[in-house]
N, C-alpha and C. Protein backbone atom coordinates (compact mmCIF):
# COMPACT_ATOMS: atom_id res chain seq x y z
N UNK A 1 4.74 -5.41 25.03
CA UNK A 1 5.09 -4.86 23.55
C UNK A 1 5.31 -3.20 23.72
N UNK A 2 6.17 -2.89 23.11
CA UNK A 2 6.48 -1.39 23.31
C UNK A 2 5.77 -0.45 22.29
N UNK A 3 5.11 0.57 22.93
CA UNK A 3 4.26 1.62 22.16
C UNK A 3 4.82 1.87 20.85
N UNK A 4 4.05 1.94 19.75
CA UNK A 4 4.51 2.34 18.58
C UNK A 4 3.37 3.27 17.89
N UNK A 5 3.90 4.26 17.06
CA UNK A 5 3.00 5.17 16.71
C UNK A 5 3.32 5.15 15.08
N UNK A 6 2.21 5.16 14.36
CA UNK A 6 2.29 5.10 12.84
C UNK A 6 1.55 6.08 12.33
N UNK A 7 2.20 7.03 11.78
CA UNK A 7 1.59 8.34 11.14
C UNK A 7 1.52 8.25 9.81
N UNK A 8 0.52 8.67 9.23
CA UNK A 8 0.32 8.72 7.71
C UNK A 8 0.06 10.24 7.31
N UNK A 9 0.72 10.60 6.22
CA UNK A 9 0.53 11.88 5.69
C UNK A 9 0.02 11.82 4.27
N UNK A 10 -1.20 12.19 3.98
CA UNK A 10 -1.88 11.95 2.91
C UNK A 10 -1.86 13.27 2.04
N UNK A 11 -1.40 13.19 0.79
CA UNK A 11 -1.46 14.26 -0.17
C UNK A 11 -2.38 13.88 -1.29
N UNK A 12 -3.39 14.76 -1.54
CA UNK A 12 -4.43 14.47 -2.69
C UNK A 12 -4.03 15.48 -3.76
N UNK A 13 -3.56 14.90 -4.93
CA UNK A 13 -3.22 15.47 -6.08
C UNK A 13 -4.26 15.24 -7.31
N UNK A 14 -5.26 14.61 -6.94
CA UNK A 14 -6.37 14.30 -7.90
C UNK A 14 -7.79 14.50 -7.24
N UNK A 15 -8.57 15.42 -7.60
CA UNK A 15 -9.85 15.90 -7.13
C UNK A 15 -10.88 14.73 -6.96
N UNK A 16 -10.78 13.72 -7.79
CA UNK A 16 -11.77 12.63 -8.09
C UNK A 16 -11.68 11.60 -6.82
N UNK A 17 -10.59 11.64 -6.17
CA UNK A 17 -10.49 10.79 -4.78
C UNK A 17 -11.52 11.16 -3.86
N UNK A 18 -12.18 10.07 -3.26
CA UNK A 18 -12.96 10.34 -2.05
C UNK A 18 -12.05 10.46 -0.89
N UNK A 19 -12.54 10.72 0.24
CA UNK A 19 -11.82 10.45 1.50
C UNK A 19 -11.57 9.13 1.83
N UNK A 20 -10.27 8.76 1.90
CA UNK A 20 -9.90 7.36 2.18
C UNK A 20 -9.33 7.21 3.71
N UNK A 21 -9.45 8.23 4.48
CA UNK A 21 -8.80 8.44 5.81
C UNK A 21 -9.20 7.15 6.62
N UNK A 22 -10.56 6.57 6.75
CA UNK A 22 -10.86 5.49 7.49
C UNK A 22 -10.32 4.18 6.83
N UNK A 23 -10.11 4.11 5.40
CA UNK A 23 -9.43 2.97 5.00
C UNK A 23 -8.03 3.07 5.50
N UNK A 24 -7.28 4.09 5.46
CA UNK A 24 -6.04 4.22 5.76
C UNK A 24 -5.70 3.80 7.15
N UNK A 25 -6.56 4.35 8.04
CA UNK A 25 -6.52 3.97 9.46
C UNK A 25 -6.85 2.39 9.69
N UNK A 26 -7.56 1.77 9.11
CA UNK A 26 -7.97 0.46 9.24
C UNK A 26 -6.85 -0.55 8.65
N UNK A 27 -6.16 0.08 7.48
CA UNK A 27 -5.10 -0.76 7.06
C UNK A 27 -3.94 -0.68 8.07
N UNK A 28 -3.52 0.37 8.57
CA UNK A 28 -2.42 0.66 9.51
C UNK A 28 -2.73 -0.39 10.73
N UNK A 29 -3.96 -0.22 11.17
CA UNK A 29 -4.37 -0.91 12.43
C UNK A 29 -4.11 -2.45 11.99
N UNK A 30 -4.75 -2.99 10.87
CA UNK A 30 -4.58 -4.35 10.52
C UNK A 30 -3.15 -4.86 10.49
N UNK A 31 -2.36 -4.11 9.70
CA UNK A 31 -0.89 -4.31 9.53
C UNK A 31 -0.11 -4.45 10.93
N UNK A 32 -0.41 -3.47 11.79
CA UNK A 32 -0.01 -3.51 13.09
C UNK A 32 -0.37 -4.87 13.93
N UNK A 33 -1.65 -5.26 13.82
CA UNK A 33 -2.02 -6.56 14.39
C UNK A 33 -1.48 -7.76 13.94
N UNK A 34 -1.06 -7.72 12.48
CA UNK A 34 -0.40 -8.73 11.90
C UNK A 34 1.16 -8.60 12.05
N UNK A 35 1.69 -7.70 12.82
CA UNK A 35 3.05 -7.64 13.30
C UNK A 35 4.07 -7.31 12.29
N UNK A 36 3.47 -6.57 11.31
CA UNK A 36 4.61 -6.32 10.21
C UNK A 36 5.28 -4.98 10.56
N UNK A 37 5.12 -4.25 11.51
CA UNK A 37 5.63 -3.12 12.06
C UNK A 37 6.54 -3.37 13.21
N UNK A 38 6.78 -4.73 13.61
CA UNK A 38 7.39 -5.10 14.84
C UNK A 38 8.72 -4.44 14.83
N UNK A 39 9.39 -4.37 13.88
CA UNK A 39 10.90 -3.72 14.09
C UNK A 39 10.92 -2.14 14.39
N UNK A 40 9.59 -1.61 14.34
CA UNK A 40 9.50 -0.17 14.48
C UNK A 40 8.83 0.23 15.98
N UNK A 41 8.85 -0.91 16.77
CA UNK A 41 8.30 -0.79 18.21
C UNK A 41 9.20 0.51 18.96
N UNK A 42 8.52 1.30 19.52
CA UNK A 42 9.17 2.34 20.25
C UNK A 42 9.53 3.46 19.39
N UNK A 43 9.19 3.44 18.00
CA UNK A 43 9.45 4.58 17.17
C UNK A 43 8.32 5.07 16.57
N UNK A 44 8.34 6.39 16.18
CA UNK A 44 7.26 7.01 15.50
C UNK A 44 7.60 6.75 13.92
N UNK A 45 6.71 6.08 13.25
CA UNK A 45 6.90 5.78 11.96
C UNK A 45 5.95 6.50 11.16
N UNK A 46 6.48 7.10 9.90
CA UNK A 46 5.72 7.84 9.02
C UNK A 46 5.40 7.18 7.70
N UNK A 47 4.37 7.26 7.10
CA UNK A 47 4.07 6.83 5.78
C UNK A 47 3.36 7.75 4.93
N UNK A 48 3.91 8.07 3.69
CA UNK A 48 3.22 9.24 2.88
C UNK A 48 2.29 8.48 1.86
N UNK A 49 1.22 8.95 1.91
CA UNK A 49 0.12 8.37 0.82
C UNK A 49 -0.12 9.55 -0.09
N UNK A 50 0.12 9.27 -1.27
CA UNK A 50 -0.10 10.16 -2.43
C UNK A 50 -1.25 9.66 -3.37
N UNK A 51 -2.34 10.46 -3.20
CA UNK A 51 -3.58 10.15 -4.19
C UNK A 51 -3.56 11.02 -5.39
N UNK A 52 -3.13 10.17 -6.44
CA UNK A 52 -2.75 10.89 -7.80
C UNK A 52 -3.70 10.43 -8.82
N UNK A 53 -3.30 10.77 -10.13
CA UNK A 53 -4.14 10.45 -11.35
C UNK A 53 -3.24 9.65 -12.16
N UNK A 54 -3.58 9.32 -13.32
CA UNK A 54 -2.91 8.31 -14.20
C UNK A 54 -1.64 9.11 -14.70
N UNK A 55 -1.82 10.35 -15.00
CA UNK A 55 -0.79 11.25 -15.64
C UNK A 55 0.38 11.25 -14.56
N UNK A 56 0.03 11.50 -13.40
CA UNK A 56 1.26 11.63 -12.47
C UNK A 56 1.85 10.35 -12.26
N UNK A 57 1.26 9.29 -12.15
CA UNK A 57 1.75 8.09 -11.82
C UNK A 57 2.57 7.46 -13.15
N UNK A 58 2.09 7.79 -14.18
CA UNK A 58 2.56 7.26 -15.57
C UNK A 58 4.07 7.94 -15.62
N UNK A 59 4.12 9.18 -15.36
CA UNK A 59 5.37 9.89 -15.28
C UNK A 59 6.32 9.21 -14.48
N UNK A 60 5.95 8.89 -13.28
CA UNK A 60 6.85 8.18 -12.21
C UNK A 60 7.22 6.74 -12.61
N UNK A 61 6.26 6.05 -13.19
CA UNK A 61 6.58 4.88 -13.61
C UNK A 61 7.50 4.72 -14.90
N UNK A 62 7.48 5.78 -15.73
CA UNK A 62 8.33 6.02 -16.73
C UNK A 62 9.80 6.33 -16.32
N UNK A 63 9.85 7.30 -15.42
CA UNK A 63 11.17 7.79 -14.98
C UNK A 63 11.82 6.78 -14.02
N UNK A 64 11.14 6.17 -13.15
CA UNK A 64 11.81 5.23 -12.23
C UNK A 64 11.78 3.80 -12.58
N UNK A 65 10.91 3.35 -13.48
CA UNK A 65 10.81 2.00 -13.72
C UNK A 65 10.91 1.63 -15.11
N UNK A 66 11.03 2.54 -16.05
CA UNK A 66 11.18 2.53 -17.57
C UNK A 66 9.87 2.06 -18.16
N UNK A 67 8.72 2.22 -17.50
CA UNK A 67 7.59 1.60 -18.28
C UNK A 67 6.66 2.91 -18.38
N UNK A 68 6.41 3.11 -19.45
CA UNK A 68 5.56 4.42 -20.06
C UNK A 68 4.23 4.01 -20.11
N UNK A 69 3.59 3.69 -18.87
CA UNK A 69 2.19 3.56 -18.78
C UNK A 69 1.71 3.62 -17.18
N UNK A 70 0.47 4.12 -16.94
CA UNK A 70 0.09 4.17 -15.59
C UNK A 70 -0.17 2.82 -14.97
N UNK A 71 -0.03 2.82 -13.76
CA UNK A 71 -0.22 1.59 -12.87
C UNK A 71 -0.89 1.83 -11.86
N UNK A 72 -1.53 0.94 -11.02
CA UNK A 72 -2.34 1.19 -10.09
C UNK A 72 -1.84 1.81 -8.71
N UNK A 73 -0.54 1.10 -8.41
CA UNK A 73 0.16 1.73 -7.08
C UNK A 73 1.77 1.61 -7.20
N UNK A 74 2.40 2.53 -6.82
CA UNK A 74 3.80 2.45 -6.87
C UNK A 74 4.39 2.88 -5.33
N UNK A 75 5.43 2.13 -4.86
CA UNK A 75 6.03 2.47 -3.62
C UNK A 75 7.28 2.87 -3.79
N UNK A 76 7.67 3.90 -3.06
CA UNK A 76 9.15 4.30 -3.08
C UNK A 76 9.55 4.32 -1.67
N UNK A 77 10.37 3.12 -1.20
CA UNK A 77 10.65 3.16 0.17
C UNK A 77 11.99 4.02 0.53
N UNK A 78 12.01 4.45 1.65
CA UNK A 78 13.01 5.17 2.29
C UNK A 78 13.89 4.41 3.24
N UNK A 79 15.21 4.82 3.52
CA UNK A 79 15.85 3.85 4.57
C UNK A 79 15.34 4.40 5.90
N UNK A 80 14.70 3.65 6.79
CA UNK A 80 14.04 4.19 8.12
C UNK A 80 15.08 4.36 8.94
N UNK A 81 16.36 3.97 8.80
CA UNK A 81 17.32 4.27 9.86
C UNK A 81 17.18 3.04 10.85
N UNK A 82 17.98 3.06 11.93
CA UNK A 82 17.83 2.24 13.05
C UNK A 82 18.13 2.73 14.22
N UNK A 83 17.28 2.48 15.05
CA UNK A 83 17.18 3.10 16.49
C UNK A 83 16.65 4.66 16.60
N UNK A 84 16.56 5.29 15.60
CA UNK A 84 16.06 6.58 15.57
C UNK A 84 14.82 6.61 16.34
N UNK A 85 14.28 7.60 16.93
CA UNK A 85 12.90 7.74 17.49
C UNK A 85 11.94 7.76 16.31
N UNK A 86 12.25 8.37 15.12
CA UNK A 86 11.41 8.41 14.09
C UNK A 86 11.78 7.80 12.80
N UNK A 87 10.98 7.17 12.13
CA UNK A 87 11.34 6.37 10.89
C UNK A 87 10.34 6.77 9.77
N UNK A 88 10.83 7.05 8.59
CA UNK A 88 10.09 7.49 7.45
C UNK A 88 10.30 6.21 6.47
N UNK A 89 9.06 5.47 6.28
CA UNK A 89 9.26 4.49 5.53
C UNK A 89 9.12 4.71 4.13
N UNK A 90 8.58 5.67 3.72
CA UNK A 90 8.46 6.14 2.42
C UNK A 90 7.02 6.46 1.84
N UNK A 91 6.89 6.26 0.51
CA UNK A 91 5.55 6.91 -0.18
C UNK A 91 4.95 5.79 -0.88
N UNK A 92 3.69 5.80 -0.88
CA UNK A 92 2.91 4.96 -1.58
C UNK A 92 1.98 5.93 -2.56
N UNK A 93 1.90 5.64 -3.66
CA UNK A 93 1.37 6.42 -4.73
C UNK A 93 0.20 5.61 -5.38
N UNK A 94 -1.18 6.24 -5.49
CA UNK A 94 -2.00 5.48 -6.15
C UNK A 94 -2.77 6.30 -7.17
N UNK A 95 -3.09 5.81 -8.37
CA UNK A 95 -3.68 6.46 -9.46
C UNK A 95 -5.19 5.99 -9.52
N UNK A 96 -5.74 7.24 -9.45
CA UNK A 96 -7.29 7.09 -9.22
C UNK A 96 -8.02 6.31 -10.47
N UNK A 97 -7.63 6.65 -11.78
CA UNK A 97 -8.41 6.16 -12.85
C UNK A 97 -8.00 4.69 -12.91
N UNK A 98 -6.87 4.28 -12.79
CA UNK A 98 -6.43 2.84 -12.80
C UNK A 98 -7.13 1.92 -11.85
N UNK A 99 -7.16 2.52 -10.48
CA UNK A 99 -7.72 1.95 -9.52
C UNK A 99 -9.22 1.71 -9.67
N UNK A 100 -9.94 2.76 -10.16
CA UNK A 100 -11.39 2.73 -10.38
C UNK A 100 -11.70 1.69 -11.57
N UNK A 101 -10.84 1.85 -12.60
CA UNK A 101 -11.16 0.83 -13.92
C UNK A 101 -10.86 -0.62 -13.45
N UNK A 102 -9.80 -0.88 -12.61
CA UNK A 102 -9.54 -2.29 -12.05
C UNK A 102 -10.76 -2.74 -11.20
N UNK A 103 -11.05 -1.99 -10.15
CA UNK A 103 -12.16 -2.33 -9.42
C UNK A 103 -13.52 -2.62 -10.16
N UNK A 104 -13.79 -1.79 -11.07
CA UNK A 104 -14.92 -1.98 -11.94
C UNK A 104 -14.90 -3.27 -12.82
N UNK A 105 -13.77 -3.43 -13.51
CA UNK A 105 -13.53 -4.62 -14.38
C UNK A 105 -13.42 -5.76 -13.63
N UNK A 106 -12.97 -5.99 -12.36
CA UNK A 106 -12.83 -7.10 -11.62
C UNK A 106 -13.97 -7.36 -10.75
N UNK A 107 -14.94 -6.51 -10.70
CA UNK A 107 -16.27 -6.87 -10.08
C UNK A 107 -15.87 -6.46 -8.46
N UNK A 108 -15.06 -5.65 -8.02
CA UNK A 108 -14.60 -5.38 -6.56
C UNK A 108 -15.15 -4.00 -6.18
N UNK A 109 -15.48 -3.96 -4.96
CA UNK A 109 -15.78 -2.64 -4.68
C UNK A 109 -14.58 -1.71 -4.56
N UNK A 110 -14.77 -0.47 -4.87
CA UNK A 110 -13.71 0.40 -4.94
C UNK A 110 -12.82 0.62 -3.54
N UNK A 111 -13.64 0.64 -2.38
CA UNK A 111 -12.80 0.77 -1.24
C UNK A 111 -12.02 -0.53 -0.88
N UNK A 112 -12.63 -1.74 -1.26
CA UNK A 112 -12.03 -2.85 -0.96
C UNK A 112 -10.63 -2.90 -1.88
N UNK A 113 -10.65 -2.47 -3.08
CA UNK A 113 -9.64 -2.56 -4.07
C UNK A 113 -8.56 -1.50 -3.55
N UNK A 114 -8.86 -0.28 -3.12
CA UNK A 114 -8.08 0.72 -2.46
C UNK A 114 -7.32 0.04 -1.33
N UNK A 115 -8.21 -0.67 -0.34
CA UNK A 115 -7.50 -1.19 0.94
C UNK A 115 -6.43 -2.29 0.46
N UNK A 116 -6.72 -3.12 -0.52
CA UNK A 116 -5.78 -3.94 -1.00
C UNK A 116 -4.47 -3.36 -1.63
N UNK A 117 -4.75 -2.42 -2.25
CA UNK A 117 -3.55 -1.65 -2.99
C UNK A 117 -2.52 -1.02 -1.89
N UNK A 118 -3.41 -0.37 -0.71
CA UNK A 118 -2.64 0.26 0.27
C UNK A 118 -1.70 -0.71 0.99
N UNK A 119 -2.35 -2.04 1.41
CA UNK A 119 -1.73 -3.07 2.05
C UNK A 119 -0.51 -3.39 1.22
N UNK A 120 -0.80 -3.73 0.01
CA UNK A 120 0.22 -3.99 -1.04
C UNK A 120 1.52 -3.07 -1.09
N UNK A 121 0.89 -1.90 -1.25
CA UNK A 121 2.20 -0.73 -1.35
C UNK A 121 2.95 -0.51 0.03
N UNK A 122 2.32 -0.81 0.98
CA UNK A 122 2.84 -0.43 2.50
C UNK A 122 3.83 -1.76 2.56
N UNK A 123 3.35 -3.00 2.30
CA UNK A 123 4.42 -3.94 2.29
C UNK A 123 5.58 -3.97 1.50
N UNK A 124 5.48 -3.26 0.31
CA UNK A 124 6.70 -2.92 -0.39
C UNK A 124 7.59 -1.89 0.33
N UNK A 125 6.97 -1.04 1.08
CA UNK A 125 7.87 -0.26 1.95
C UNK A 125 8.72 -0.86 2.89
N UNK A 126 8.06 -2.02 3.35
CA UNK A 126 8.71 -2.87 4.44
C UNK A 126 9.60 -3.93 3.93
N UNK A 127 9.88 -3.98 2.48
CA UNK A 127 10.77 -4.78 1.92
C UNK A 127 10.25 -5.96 1.44
N UNK A 128 8.98 -6.24 1.39
CA UNK A 128 8.30 -7.51 0.81
C UNK A 128 8.21 -7.16 -0.72
N UNK A 129 8.34 -8.33 -1.46
CA UNK A 129 8.47 -8.09 -2.84
C UNK A 129 7.86 -9.34 -3.50
N UNK A 130 7.62 -9.29 -4.89
CA UNK A 130 7.07 -10.59 -5.57
C UNK A 130 7.67 -10.84 -6.89
N UNK A 131 9.22 -10.58 -6.66
CA UNK A 131 9.82 -10.72 -7.93
C UNK A 131 10.25 -12.24 -8.36
N UNK A 132 9.89 -13.18 -7.38
CA UNK A 132 9.99 -14.74 -7.64
C UNK A 132 8.81 -15.39 -7.10
N UNK A 133 8.61 -16.54 -7.18
CA UNK A 133 7.38 -17.26 -6.82
C UNK A 133 7.27 -17.33 -5.11
N UNK A 134 8.63 -17.60 -4.51
CA UNK A 134 8.51 -17.66 -3.11
C UNK A 134 8.29 -16.19 -2.44
N UNK A 135 8.86 -15.40 -3.12
CA UNK A 135 8.60 -13.89 -2.52
C UNK A 135 6.97 -13.54 -2.61
N UNK A 136 6.43 -13.98 -3.89
CA UNK A 136 5.23 -13.56 -4.16
C UNK A 136 4.16 -14.36 -3.17
N UNK A 137 4.59 -15.67 -3.08
CA UNK A 137 3.70 -16.50 -2.12
C UNK A 137 3.80 -15.80 -0.62
N UNK A 138 4.80 -15.44 -0.19
CA UNK A 138 4.99 -14.91 1.09
C UNK A 138 4.04 -13.45 1.20
N UNK A 139 4.25 -12.75 0.39
CA UNK A 139 3.64 -11.47 0.25
C UNK A 139 2.26 -11.52 0.12
N UNK A 140 1.73 -12.17 -0.88
CA UNK A 140 0.33 -12.57 -1.07
C UNK A 140 -0.29 -13.06 0.04
N UNK A 141 0.26 -14.17 0.78
CA UNK A 141 -0.23 -14.66 2.02
C UNK A 141 -0.51 -13.67 3.15
N UNK A 142 0.41 -12.82 3.27
CA UNK A 142 0.45 -11.74 4.27
C UNK A 142 -0.86 -10.86 3.95
N UNK A 143 -0.82 -10.30 2.63
CA UNK A 143 -1.85 -9.62 2.05
C UNK A 143 -3.22 -10.14 2.38
N UNK A 144 -3.49 -11.50 2.06
CA UNK A 144 -4.62 -12.04 2.23
C UNK A 144 -5.12 -12.22 3.70
N UNK A 145 -4.05 -12.44 4.52
CA UNK A 145 -4.25 -12.49 6.09
C UNK A 145 -4.74 -11.06 6.67
N UNK A 146 -4.14 -10.08 6.19
CA UNK A 146 -4.57 -8.68 6.64
C UNK A 146 -5.77 -8.33 6.08
N UNK A 147 -6.10 -8.53 4.80
CA UNK A 147 -7.54 -8.27 4.13
C UNK A 147 -8.59 -8.93 4.91
N UNK A 148 -8.26 -10.31 5.28
CA UNK A 148 -9.30 -11.11 5.77
C UNK A 148 -9.67 -10.50 7.22
N UNK A 149 -8.55 -9.97 7.98
CA UNK A 149 -9.02 -9.54 9.19
C UNK A 149 -9.82 -8.14 9.18
N UNK A 150 -9.83 -7.68 7.99
CA UNK A 150 -10.72 -6.36 7.52
C UNK A 150 -11.86 -6.78 6.88
N UNK A 151 -12.11 -8.10 6.71
CA UNK A 151 -13.52 -8.57 6.24
C UNK A 151 -13.51 -8.52 4.77
N UNK A 152 -12.31 -8.39 4.08
CA UNK A 152 -12.27 -8.33 2.58
C UNK A 152 -11.58 -9.73 2.09
N UNK A 153 -12.28 -10.30 1.10
CA UNK A 153 -11.94 -11.60 0.62
C UNK A 153 -10.60 -11.53 -0.35
N UNK A 154 -10.14 -12.92 -0.36
CA UNK A 154 -8.81 -12.96 -0.97
C UNK A 154 -9.06 -12.36 -2.39
N UNK A 155 -7.90 -11.17 -2.83
CA UNK A 155 -8.28 -10.52 -4.03
C UNK A 155 -7.59 -11.45 -5.10
N UNK A 156 -6.82 -12.53 -4.76
CA UNK A 156 -6.19 -13.41 -5.64
C UNK A 156 -6.87 -14.50 -6.22
N UNK A 157 -7.96 -14.85 -5.49
CA UNK A 157 -8.83 -15.90 -5.95
C UNK A 157 -9.18 -16.20 -7.32
N UNK A 158 -9.62 -15.06 -7.81
CA UNK A 158 -10.20 -15.18 -9.36
C UNK A 158 -8.99 -14.87 -10.42
N UNK A 159 -7.89 -14.49 -9.91
CA UNK A 159 -6.74 -14.15 -10.87
C UNK A 159 -6.11 -15.51 -11.38
N UNK A 160 -6.09 -15.61 -12.71
CA UNK A 160 -5.15 -16.65 -13.26
C UNK A 160 -3.93 -16.27 -13.39
N UNK A 161 -2.87 -17.19 -12.89
CA UNK A 161 -1.46 -16.73 -13.01
C UNK A 161 -0.90 -17.35 -14.26
């Protein structure tokens, strides 16, 4: 297997966020071990993580998705090109208040929930989606496998669809 380097650039726009650098490193390693970055072998790949607040993400959600409300995570994929030595996969933006509220209301640890949302957001950068049942099943299955490798239980177990 060809050497691959995944770099993350974290921008903190909300002071409430704790240091999540260990979580980010664990997520990238787990995704790499589960071969989701296989097409980027031999390339330096960059992912931007933005730790924001509800106001910031609400504005993005309204502007780009037509939904005037905050959400937990948004992903903005970039075209990574092909064959270049460097690939920018895009941005994953998390909203602190929504993430914290969800973790609390669902009885999940904050760090576990952040880990799940980072996995989810990065998979969106890699063109995974959940627009229909087949896509959702594929994406959720991969999320569950990656999270399990990190010692985090299936986040969908208690969710009624």
